Amino acid sequence: MKPFLDENFLLQSKTAERLFHDFAKGMPIIDYHNHLIPDQMSKDINFENITQAWLYGDHYKWRAMRTNGIDEAYCTGNKSDFEKFEKWATTVPYTVRNPLYHWTHLELQRYFEINELLDSNTAQHIYSECTEKLQSKEYSVRNLVRKMNVKVVCTTDDPLDSLEYHQQLKKDGFDILVLPAFRPDKAMNADDCNALNNYIDKLERITDSSAADFESYLKALKKRHDYFAANGCSVSDHGLERIYAEEYTDQEISLIYKKMRAKQWLNPEEVLKFKSAMLFNFALWDHEKGWVQQFHLGALRNNNSRLLKKLGPDTGWDSIGDFSQARALSKFLCRLDLENRLTKTILYNLNPADNELMATMIGNFNDGSVAGKIQWGSGWWFLDQKDGMRKQLNTLSNMGLISRFIGMLTDSRSFLSFPRHEYFRRILCNLFAEDIERGELPNDINHIGGIIQDICFKNAKDYFNFKTL
């Protein structure tokens, strides 16, 4: 019987152990998509306790606690930080076979050198030990990132963000590259005309320009795109139910925009056309600058309207959606390709039913100009777990080139989430080792180890042009 979470965790053979320890373990991390807060890095804060570092904003944990019968007061409510931690500790033993169980104990080990299991009996001791360490300079947020050998962090930022904290980090000479990513979802959200009008009003103030018509709206947004580029941004990101690729004319979009600015209700067809026009223009700007565009597709968000109203978005009420993806995605990419304006693109799906769809779609637009130009991203959100990762890796291997894959990211709001890269790397090494052990791959450890290092770090370094690393 193998011990739990020892140095060979998830590694089921000597071959897997060698691949991980000799090739994967020491590779630096490029975390090219996450939701870390630049303000906290800029100020290099120390969290007051482990609850603030671990449970604030973590809807993964909140969903588990609610499922375990924990009252909302201990998730997003007004209970004390220790009381919230204690309720999480009582929940952890019930998360067995959920990735939260592995992540929780990996993070305790890697950051705090705590090898005990977290439960109601160890809660007080672990809370005290972690909280004490978090008070020291060694555990400031910048040092938490350094501790995991991270070299690049790409945050997720609205076009109207000032980027002042990214600028401060650069001015400070922070040794880890912290770059913004352009996330313009709110700028195309015609489902809510009031919110979009408010957004446009704010854009006008920030850019000191008019957005009276659609053309001027695009010009004002393009100023923000240029501003992000001037501040080191080379990545965009979109969180969408599906790609929007409706047929439209410029005249139609101008009239739709005018109607929306007049605060008139848009019908569903008008909403889709507006979103399609916006998405296409964003893609043109990304190509113009040589950026990488990312599309996170398939989340059915804000399902619980009662608790959404009470607690707001991103508090744990989202799930997998069953949207039709293939035809619009093909149409969108094809239109850009026909005009020779399709930039490097990463596609992420949330519905595992779309795995083979994504793995084959990327092959339609890999044109030989760049290795792995169109990528199918790692298992995302609900698929960011052992089974989801293995399925993604196997499907990509069968229908594409796993050797050109750009690997893992955290997609997290927590500074304690970087061991997810280790989790992925262990799964990756074990997968390759299984093939070697079965005689399905040659026992050429140096060659396979080199491919693993590429997937863990080098492919992303080349793909994003992080040449200074």
Protein backbone atom coordinates (compact mmCIF):
# COMPACT_ATOMS: atom_id res chain seq x y z
CA MET A 1 0.00 0.00 0.00
CA LYS A 2 1.43 3.38 -1.01
CA PRO A 3 1.44 6.13 1.63
CA PHE A 4 -0.78 9.13 1.04
CA LEU A 5 0.81 12.13 -0.66
CA ASP A 6 4.44 11.09 -0.31
CA GLU A 7 7.15 12.18 -2.74
CA ASN A 8 5.85 9.70 -5.32
CA PHE A 9 2.19 10.70 -5.07
CA LEU A 10 0.31 9.78 -8.28
CA LEU A 11 3.44 8.16 -9.72
CA GLN A 12 2.69 4.48 -10.19
CA SER A 13 6.02 3.16 -11.46
CA LYS A 14 9.77 3.74 -11.27
CA THR A 15 9.59 5.17 -14.78
CA ALA A 16 6.99 7.72 -13.68
CA GLU A 17 9.09 8.60 -10.66
CA ARG A 18 12.15 9.22 -12.82
CA LEU A 19 10.24 11.32 -15.35
CA PHE A 20 8.81 13.51 -12.63
CA HIS A 21 11.82 13.91 -10.35
CA ASP A 22 14.48 14.18 -13.07
CA PHE A 23 12.59 16.20 -15.67
CA ALA A 24 9.31 17.80 -14.56
CA LYS A 25 9.70 18.72 -10.90
CA GLY A 26 12.30 21.46 -11.27
CA MET A 27 10.79 23.23 -14.27
CA PRO A 28 9.71 26.85 -13.69
CA ILE A 29 6.06 27.86 -13.94
CA ILE A 30 4.42 30.14 -16.48
CA ASP A 31 0.91 30.80 -15.18
CA TYR A 32 -0.59 32.41 -18.25
CA HIS A 33 -4.17 32.65 -16.95
CA ASN A 34 -5.29 33.35 -13.40
CA HIS A 35 -7.42 35.73 -11.37
CA LEU A 36 -4.84 36.88 -8.83
CA ILE A 37 -5.27 40.42 -7.52
CA PRO A 38 -2.46 42.73 -8.72
CA ASP A 39 -3.14 45.15 -5.85
CA GLN A 40 -2.11 42.46 -3.34
CA MET A 41 1.10 41.73 -5.23
CA SER A 42 1.92 45.40 -5.66
CA LYS A 43 1.56 46.06 -1.94
CA ASP A 44 3.20 42.71 -1.13
CA ILE A 45 0.67 42.11 1.61
CA ASN A 46 0.72 39.48 4.31
CA PHE A 47 -2.56 37.72 4.87
CA GLU A 48 -3.77 38.01 8.44
CA ASN A 49 -4.58 34.31 8.64
CA ILE A 50 -4.99 31.15 6.58
CA THR A 51 -8.71 31.78 6.08
CA GLN A 52 -8.04 35.02 4.24
CA ALA A 53 -5.41 33.35 2.07
CA TRP A 54 -7.40 30.19 1.44
CA LEU A 55 -11.15 30.67 1.75
CA TYR A 56 -11.88 34.25 0.72
CA GLY A 57 -13.32 34.16 -2.77
CA ASP A 58 -12.84 30.40 -3.23
CA HIS A 59 -16.16 29.18 -4.60
CA TYR A 60 -14.75 25.64 -5.00
CA LYS A 61 -14.52 25.35 -1.22
CA TRP A 62 -17.83 27.15 -0.65
CA ARG A 63 -19.69 24.69 -2.89
CA ALA A 64 -18.20 21.77 -0.97
CA MET A 65 -19.10 23.31 2.38
CA ARG A 66 -22.68 23.99 1.30
CA THR A 67 -22.99 20.42 0.04
CA ASN A 68 -21.74 19.26 3.43
CA GLY A 69 -24.57 21.13 5.14
CA ILE A 70 -22.56 24.15 6.28
CA ASP A 71 -24.56 27.34 6.70
CA GLU A 72 -23.76 30.25 4.36
CA ALA A 73 -22.65 32.33 7.31
CA TYR A 74 -19.46 30.22 7.36
CA CYS A 75 -18.84 30.65 3.62
CA THR A 76 -19.56 34.23 2.62
CA GLY A 77 -21.20 35.40 5.83
CA ASN A 78 -20.10 37.24 8.96
CA LYS A 79 -18.67 34.41 11.05
CA SER A 80 -15.12 34.89 12.29
CA ASP A 81 -12.21 33.75 10.17
CA PHE A 82 -11.39 30.90 12.55
CA GLU A 83 -15.01 29.74 12.62
CA LYS A 84 -14.99 29.65 8.81
CA PHE A 85 -11.73 27.71 8.77
CA GLU A 86 -13.03 25.29 11.36
CA LYS A 87 -16.09 24.53 9.23
CA TRP A 88 -13.85 24.00 6.21
CA ALA A 89 -11.71 21.63 8.28
CA THR A 90 -14.78 19.59 9.22
CA THR A 91 -15.69 19.42 5.53
CA VAL A 92 -12.29 18.31 4.22
CA PRO A 93 -12.63 14.63 5.27
CA TYR A 94 -15.84 14.49 3.22
CA THR A 95 -14.07 15.76 0.09
CA VAL A 96 -12.29 12.41 -0.46
CA ARG A 97 -12.01 11.62 -4.21
CA ASN A 98 -12.66 15.28 -5.00
CA PRO A 99 -9.59 17.26 -6.17
CA LEU A 100 -10.09 19.59 -3.20
CA TYR A 101 -8.82 16.82 -0.93
CA HIS A 102 -5.57 16.55 -2.86
CA TRP A 103 -5.15 20.30 -3.41
CA THR A 104 -5.76 21.07 0.27
CA HIS A 105 -3.07 18.73 1.52
CA LEU A 106 -0.62 19.54 -1.27
CA GLU A 107 -0.87 23.21 -0.36
CA LEU A 108 -0.40 22.51 3.35
CA GLN A 109 2.73 20.52 2.51
CA ARG A 110 4.29 22.74 -0.13
CA TYR A 111 3.74 26.11 1.52
CA PHE A 112 3.65 25.30 5.24
CA GLU A 113 5.47 21.95 5.57
CA ILE A 114 2.43 20.49 7.32
CA ASN A 115 1.96 16.77 6.67
CA GLU A 116 -1.02 16.23 8.94
CA LEU A 117 -4.48 15.65 7.53
CA LEU A 118 -6.86 18.56 8.03
CA ASP A 119 -9.98 17.70 10.01
CA SER A 120 -11.87 18.93 13.06
CA ASN A 121 -9.19 17.55 15.41
CA THR A 122 -6.26 19.29 13.70
CA ALA A 123 -8.07 22.51 12.74
CA GLN A 124 -6.90 24.64 15.67
CA HIS A 125 -3.26 23.57 15.42
CA ILE A 126 -3.07 23.95 11.63
CA TYR A 127 -4.87 27.30 11.70
CA SER A 128 -2.43 28.62 14.31
CA GLU A 129 0.71 27.31 12.58
CA CYS A 130 -0.27 28.57 9.13
CA THR A 131 -1.44 31.91 10.46
CA GLU A 132 1.80 32.43 12.38
CA LYS A 133 3.87 31.72 9.28
CA LEU A 134 1.72 34.00 7.15
CA GLN A 135 2.67 36.91 9.41
CA SER A 136 6.35 36.64 8.45
CA LYS A 137 7.97 38.38 5.50
CA GLU A 138 8.83 34.98 4.07
CA TYR A 139 5.10 34.47 3.50
CA SER A 140 4.21 37.77 1.84
CA VAL A 141 2.30 37.26 -1.39
CA ARG A 142 5.35 37.91 -3.56
CA ASN A 143 7.30 35.29 -1.63
CA LEU A 144 4.42 32.82 -1.86
CA VAL A 145 4.72 33.09 -5.63
CA ARG A 146 8.52 32.88 -5.52
CA LYS A 147 8.30 29.78 -3.34
CA MET A 148 6.69 27.86 -6.23
CA ASN A 149 9.35 28.85 -8.82
CA VAL A 150 6.89 30.96 -10.81
CA LYS A 151 8.42 33.09 -13.58
CA VAL A 152 5.35 34.65 -15.26
CA VAL A 153 1.88 35.55 -14.01
CA CYS A 154 -0.83 36.80 -16.37
CA THR A 155 -3.74 38.30 -14.45
CA THR A 156 -7.25 38.89 -15.84
CA ASP A 157 -8.16 42.55 -16.23
CA ASP A 158 -11.06 44.60 -17.52
CA PRO A 159 -10.23 47.07 -20.34
CA LEU A 160 -11.08 49.98 -18.04
CA ASP A 161 -8.54 48.92 -15.40
CA SER A 162 -5.86 51.54 -14.75
CA LEU A 163 -3.12 48.86 -14.53
CA GLU A 164 -1.50 51.00 -11.84
CA TYR A 165 -0.52 47.95 -9.81
CA HIS A 166 1.15 46.26 -12.77
CA GLN A 167 3.03 49.48 -13.33
CA GLN A 168 4.12 49.59 -9.69
CA LEU A 169 5.33 45.99 -9.81
CA LYS A 170 7.44 46.80 -12.85
CA LYS A 171 8.76 49.96 -11.20
CA ASP A 172 9.69 47.93 -8.11
CA GLY A 173 11.72 45.56 -10.27
CA PHE A 174 9.76 42.52 -9.06
CA ASP A 175 11.67 39.52 -10.37
CA ILE A 176 8.52 37.69 -11.49
CA LEU A 177 6.90 39.01 -14.66
CA VAL A 178 3.33 40.10 -13.82
CA LEU A 179 1.41 41.03 -16.96
CA PRO A 180 -2.22 42.03 -17.57
CA ALA A 181 -4.61 40.13 -19.83
CA PHE A 182 -7.35 41.99 -21.73
CA ARG A 183 -10.78 40.59 -20.68
CA PRO A 184 -13.47 42.64 -22.51
CA ASP A 185 -16.57 40.58 -21.60
CA LYS A 186 -18.38 43.58 -20.08
CA ALA A 187 -17.75 45.64 -23.22
CA MET A 188 -19.89 43.30 -25.33
CA ASN A 189 -22.57 42.36 -22.81
CA ALA A 190 -25.63 43.54 -24.74
CA ASP A 191 -27.81 41.19 -22.66
CA ASP A 192 -27.89 43.96 -20.05
CA CYS A 193 -28.29 47.30 -21.82
CA ASN A 194 -28.24 49.31 -18.60
CA ALA A 195 -24.95 47.79 -17.48
CA LEU A 196 -23.43 48.20 -20.94
CA ASN A 197 -24.51 51.84 -21.15
CA ASN A 198 -22.93 52.51 -17.77
CA TYR A 199 -19.77 50.79 -18.96
CA ILE A 200 -19.65 52.93 -22.11
CA ASP A 201 -20.16 56.10 -20.05
CA LYS A 202 -17.18 55.14 -17.91
CA LEU A 203 -15.13 54.36 -21.03
CA GLU A 204 -15.85 57.85 -22.37
CA ARG A 205 -14.61 59.42 -19.15
CA ILE A 206 -11.46 57.31 -18.99
CA THR A 207 -10.49 57.86 -22.63
CA ASP A 208 -11.75 61.45 -22.74
CA SER A 209 -13.56 60.67 -25.96
CA SER A 210 -17.07 60.24 -27.29
CA ALA A 211 -18.70 56.89 -27.97
CA ALA A 212 -21.77 58.36 -29.60
CA ASP A 213 -21.83 55.78 -32.39
CA PHE A 214 -20.48 52.29 -32.88
CA GLU A 215 -17.40 53.40 -34.78
CA SER A 216 -16.38 55.82 -32.04
CA TYR A 217 -17.09 53.14 -29.42
CA LEU A 218 -14.61 50.83 -31.14
CA LYS A 219 -12.05 53.63 -31.35
CA ALA A 220 -12.36 54.32 -27.63
CA LEU A 221 -12.00 50.62 -26.77
CA LYS A 222 -9.05 50.33 -29.13
CA LYS A 223 -7.33 53.04 -27.09
CA ARG A 224 -7.62 50.75 -24.08
CA HIS A 225 -6.30 47.80 -26.11
CA ASP A 226 -3.32 49.97 -27.09
CA TYR A 227 -2.89 51.04 -23.46
CA PHE A 228 -2.76 47.42 -22.31
CA ALA A 229 -0.17 46.66 -24.99
CA ALA A 230 1.94 49.58 -23.79
CA ASN A 231 1.86 48.01 -20.34
CA GLY A 232 3.19 44.64 -21.46
CA CYS A 233 -0.06 42.86 -22.27
CA SER A 234 0.15 40.24 -25.01
CA VAL A 235 -2.81 38.05 -24.06
CA SER A 236 -6.58 38.48 -24.26
CA ASP A 237 -9.23 36.32 -22.67
CA HIS A 238 -12.97 35.83 -23.14
CA GLY A 239 -15.40 33.98 -20.89
CA LEU A 240 -18.32 33.02 -23.15
CA GLU A 241 -21.12 30.49 -23.27
CA ARG A 242 -20.13 29.94 -26.90
CA ILE A 243 -18.46 31.75 -29.77
CA TYR A 244 -20.66 34.34 -31.50
CA ALA A 245 -20.45 34.33 -35.27
CA GLU A 246 -23.79 35.63 -36.58
CA GLU A 247 -23.99 37.27 -40.01
CA TYR A 248 -24.30 41.06 -39.77
CA THR A 249 -23.71 44.24 -41.73
CA ASP A 250 -21.99 47.37 -40.48
CA GLN A 251 -25.23 49.26 -40.90
CA GLU A 252 -27.10 46.76 -38.74
CA ILE A 253 -24.56 47.04 -35.92
CA SER A 254 -24.66 50.83 -36.08
CA LEU A 255 -28.44 50.78 -35.68
CA ILE A 256 -28.27 48.19 -32.88
CA TYR A 257 -25.72 50.29 -31.02
CA LYS A 258 -27.82 53.44 -31.44
CA LYS A 259 -30.88 51.58 -30.14
CA MET A 260 -28.95 50.26 -27.15
CA ARG A 261 -27.61 53.72 -26.30
CA ALA A 262 -31.17 55.00 -26.40
CA LYS A 263 -31.86 52.38 -23.68
CA GLN A 264 -34.26 50.47 -25.86
CA TRP A 265 -34.67 46.73 -25.47
CA LEU A 266 -32.66 44.59 -27.91
CA ASN A 267 -34.18 41.41 -29.25
CA PRO A 268 -32.16 38.15 -29.06
CA GLU A 269 -31.05 38.37 -32.71
CA GLU A 270 -29.73 41.90 -32.20
CA VAL A 271 -27.84 40.82 -29.09
CA LEU A 272 -26.13 37.98 -30.96
CA LYS A 273 -25.19 40.22 -33.87
CA PHE A 274 -23.73 42.85 -31.58
CA LYS A 275 -21.68 40.26 -29.69
CA SER A 276 -20.48 38.77 -32.98
CA ALA A 277 -19.29 42.13 -34.24
CA MET A 278 -17.49 42.91 -31.01
CA LEU A 279 -15.78 39.53 -30.84
CA PHE A 280 -14.56 39.79 -34.41
CA ASN A 281 -13.08 43.25 -33.86
CA PHE A 282 -11.31 42.12 -30.69
CA ALA A 283 -9.75 39.27 -32.69
CA LEU A 284 -8.54 41.71 -35.35
CA TRP A 285 -6.82 43.86 -32.74
CA ASP A 286 -5.19 40.82 -31.16
CA HIS A 287 -3.82 39.72 -34.54
CA GLU A 288 -2.57 43.20 -35.30
CA LYS A 289 -0.44 43.14 -32.14
CA GLY A 290 0.54 39.47 -32.29
CA TRP A 291 -1.30 38.68 -29.06
CA VAL A 292 -2.58 35.28 -27.97
CA GLN A 293 -6.38 35.13 -27.69
CA GLN A 294 -8.06 32.75 -25.23
CA PHE A 295 -11.67 31.58 -25.24
CA HIS A 296 -13.19 29.89 -22.19
CA LEU A 297 -16.36 28.31 -23.50
CA GLY A 298 -19.32 26.48 -22.02
CA ALA A 299 -20.10 27.76 -18.51
CA LEU A 300 -23.77 28.11 -17.58
CA ARG A 301 -23.45 30.90 -15.06
CA ASN A 302 -25.58 32.27 -12.22
CA ASN A 303 -28.06 29.39 -12.08
CA ASN A 304 -29.37 30.13 -8.59
CA SER A 305 -31.14 33.45 -9.07
CA ARG A 306 -32.16 33.74 -5.42
CA LEU A 307 -28.61 33.44 -4.09
CA LEU A 308 -27.13 35.34 -7.01
CA LYS A 309 -29.28 38.31 -5.99
CA LYS A 310 -28.16 37.94 -2.38
CA LEU A 311 -24.43 37.23 -2.86
CA GLY A 312 -23.57 38.35 -6.41
CA PRO A 313 -21.68 36.57 -9.21
CA ASP A 314 -18.63 34.30 -8.78
CA THR A 315 -19.91 32.91 -5.49
CA GLY A 316 -20.48 29.33 -6.61
CA TRP A 317 -23.67 29.13 -8.66
CA ASP A 318 -22.20 28.17 -12.04
CA SER A 319 -22.14 24.79 -13.77
CA ILE A 320 -21.38 23.06 -17.06
CA GLY A 321 -23.57 24.15 -19.97
CA ASP A 322 -24.62 22.16 -23.03
CA PHE A 323 -24.20 24.83 -25.69
CA SER A 324 -23.64 23.93 -29.32
CA GLN A 325 -20.03 24.90 -30.04
CA ALA A 326 -18.74 23.51 -33.34
CA ARG A 327 -20.41 25.41 -36.17
CA ALA A 328 -20.04 28.96 -34.81
CA LEU A 329 -16.49 28.27 -33.66
CA SER A 330 -15.57 26.98 -37.11
CA LYS A 331 -17.22 29.96 -38.77
CA PHE A 332 -15.47 32.48 -36.51
CA LEU A 333 -12.00 30.99 -36.95
CA CYS A 334 -12.52 30.49 -40.68
CA ARG A 335 -13.48 34.12 -41.24
CA LEU A 336 -10.30 35.27 -39.52
CA ASP A 337 -8.19 32.72 -41.37
CA LEU A 338 -9.62 33.76 -44.75
CA GLU A 339 -8.44 37.31 -44.09
CA ASN A 340 -5.08 36.01 -42.80
CA ARG A 341 -5.83 37.64 -39.46
CA LEU A 342 -6.12 34.64 -37.15
CA THR A 343 -3.70 35.06 -34.26
CA LYS A 344 -2.50 32.37 -31.87
CA THR A 345 -5.58 31.00 -30.14
CA ILE A 346 -6.29 28.84 -27.09
CA LEU A 347 -9.68 27.13 -26.74
CA TYR A 348 -10.96 25.81 -23.40
CA ASN A 349 -14.15 23.78 -23.07
CA LEU A 350 -16.08 23.19 -19.87
CA ASN A 351 -18.32 20.40 -21.17
CA PRO A 352 -16.32 17.14 -21.51
CA ALA A 353 -18.70 16.13 -24.30
CA ASP A 354 -16.83 18.70 -26.40
CA ASN A 355 -13.37 17.17 -25.89
CA GLU A 356 -13.06 15.50 -29.27
CA LEU A 357 -14.72 18.50 -30.92
CA MET A 358 -12.02 20.83 -29.57
CA ALA A 359 -9.15 18.44 -30.25
CA THR A 360 -10.13 18.18 -33.91
CA MET A 361 -11.17 21.82 -34.37
CA ILE A 362 -7.68 23.10 -33.57
CA GLY A 363 -6.25 20.97 -36.37
CA ASN A 364 -8.41 22.78 -38.92
CA PHE A 365 -6.53 26.03 -38.40
CA ASN A 366 -2.97 24.97 -37.57
CA ASP A 367 -1.38 26.23 -40.78
CA GLY A 368 2.30 25.42 -40.20
CA SER A 369 3.28 29.03 -39.53
CA VAL A 370 3.82 28.39 -35.80
CA ALA A 371 4.13 25.13 -33.89
CA GLY A 372 0.82 24.59 -32.10
CA LYS A 373 -0.64 27.91 -33.27
CA ILE A 374 -4.17 26.86 -32.28
CA GLN A 375 -4.19 25.17 -28.87
CA TRP A 376 -6.76 23.19 -26.96
CA GLY A 377 -6.24 24.34 -23.38
CA SER A 378 -5.86 22.21 -20.29
CA GLY A 379 -8.81 20.87 -18.33
CA TRP A 380 -10.67 23.91 -17.03
CA TRP A 381 -12.75 24.55 -13.91
CA PHE A 382 -14.91 21.46 -13.33
CA LEU A 383 -12.52 19.49 -15.55
CA ASP A 384 -9.45 20.64 -13.63
CA GLN A 385 -9.02 17.31 -11.83
CA LYS A 386 -7.23 14.00 -12.35
CA ASP A 387 -9.83 12.36 -14.57
CA GLY A 388 -10.46 15.55 -16.55
CA MET A 389 -6.74 16.12 -17.13
CA ARG A 390 -6.13 12.54 -18.22
CA LYS A 391 -9.02 12.67 -20.67
CA GLN A 392 -7.80 15.96 -22.11
CA LEU A 393 -4.24 14.68 -22.44
CA ASN A 394 -5.33 11.39 -24.01
CA THR A 395 -7.71 13.02 -26.46
CA LEU A 396 -5.13 15.60 -27.50
CA SER A 397 -2.58 12.80 -27.94
CA ASN A 398 -4.94 10.81 -30.15
CA MET A 399 -6.10 13.69 -32.34
CA GLY A 400 -3.27 16.25 -32.22
CA LEU A 401 0.30 16.62 -31.00
CA ILE A 402 0.61 16.39 -27.23
CA SER A 403 4.30 17.28 -27.63
CA ARG A 404 3.31 20.81 -28.72
CA PHE A 405 0.88 21.37 -25.85
CA ILE A 406 1.51 24.50 -23.72
CA GLY A 407 0.49 22.86 -20.46
CA MET A 408 -1.11 23.92 -17.23
CA LEU A 409 -2.41 27.12 -15.58
CA THR A 410 -4.10 27.75 -12.25
CA ASP A 411 -7.16 29.85 -13.27
CA SER A 412 -7.25 30.69 -9.58
CA ARG A 413 -7.86 33.62 -7.25
CA SER A 414 -5.61 32.14 -4.57
CA PHE A 415 -1.87 32.67 -4.09
CA LEU A 416 -1.78 29.15 -2.64
CA SER A 417 -2.94 27.42 -5.83
CA PHE A 418 0.35 26.93 -7.65
CA PRO A 419 0.76 23.27 -6.58
CA ARG A 420 -1.90 22.58 -9.21
CA HIS A 421 0.98 22.74 -11.67
CA GLU A 422 2.73 19.97 -9.73
CA TYR A 423 -0.50 17.96 -9.68
CA PHE A 424 -0.74 18.25 -13.46
CA ARG A 425 2.92 17.35 -13.92
CA ARG A 426 2.62 14.21 -11.83
CA ILE A 427 -0.41 13.10 -13.86
CA LEU A 428 1.42 13.89 -17.10
CA CYS A 429 4.54 11.92 -16.12
CA ASN A 430 2.51 8.94 -14.97
CA LEU A 431 0.58 8.91 -18.25
CA PHE A 432 3.75 8.78 -20.35
CA ALA A 433 5.27 6.19 -18.02
CA GLU A 434 2.26 3.90 -18.46
CA ASP A 435 2.91 3.84 -22.21
CA ILE A 436 6.60 3.11 -21.68
CA GLU A 437 5.85 0.33 -19.21
CA ARG A 438 3.43 -1.27 -21.69
CA GLY A 439 5.93 -1.03 -24.53
CA GLU A 440 3.75 1.49 -26.37
CA LEU A 441 6.53 4.09 -26.25
CA PRO A 442 10.28 3.43 -26.44
CA ASN A 443 12.17 3.42 -23.16
CA ASP A 444 14.05 6.56 -24.19
CA ILE A 445 13.84 8.50 -20.96
CA ASN A 446 15.81 11.50 -22.18
CA HIS A 447 13.58 11.97 -25.25
CA ILE A 448 10.31 11.53 -23.33
CA GLY A 449 11.67 13.63 -20.47
CA GLY A 450 12.46 16.40 -22.93
CA ILE A 451 8.88 16.36 -24.23
CA ILE A 452 7.60 16.56 -20.66
CA GLN A 453 9.82 19.58 -19.98
CA ASP A 454 8.47 21.19 -23.14
CA ILE A 455 4.88 20.70 -21.98
CA CYS A 456 5.64 21.90 -18.45
CA PHE A 457 7.46 25.09 -19.43
CA LYS A 458 9.35 25.44 -22.71
CA ASN A 459 6.38 25.30 -25.11
CA ALA A 460 4.59 28.09 -23.23
CA LYS A 461 7.80 30.13 -23.08
CA ASP A 462 8.10 29.96 -26.87
CA TYR A 463 4.38 30.30 -27.58
CA PHE A 464 4.01 33.52 -25.60
CA ASN A 465 7.42 34.82 -26.72
CA PHE A 466 8.73 35.15 -23.17
CA LYS A 467 12.27 35.19 -24.53
CA THR A 468 13.88 36.80 -21.48
CA LEU A 469 13.16 33.79 -19.23
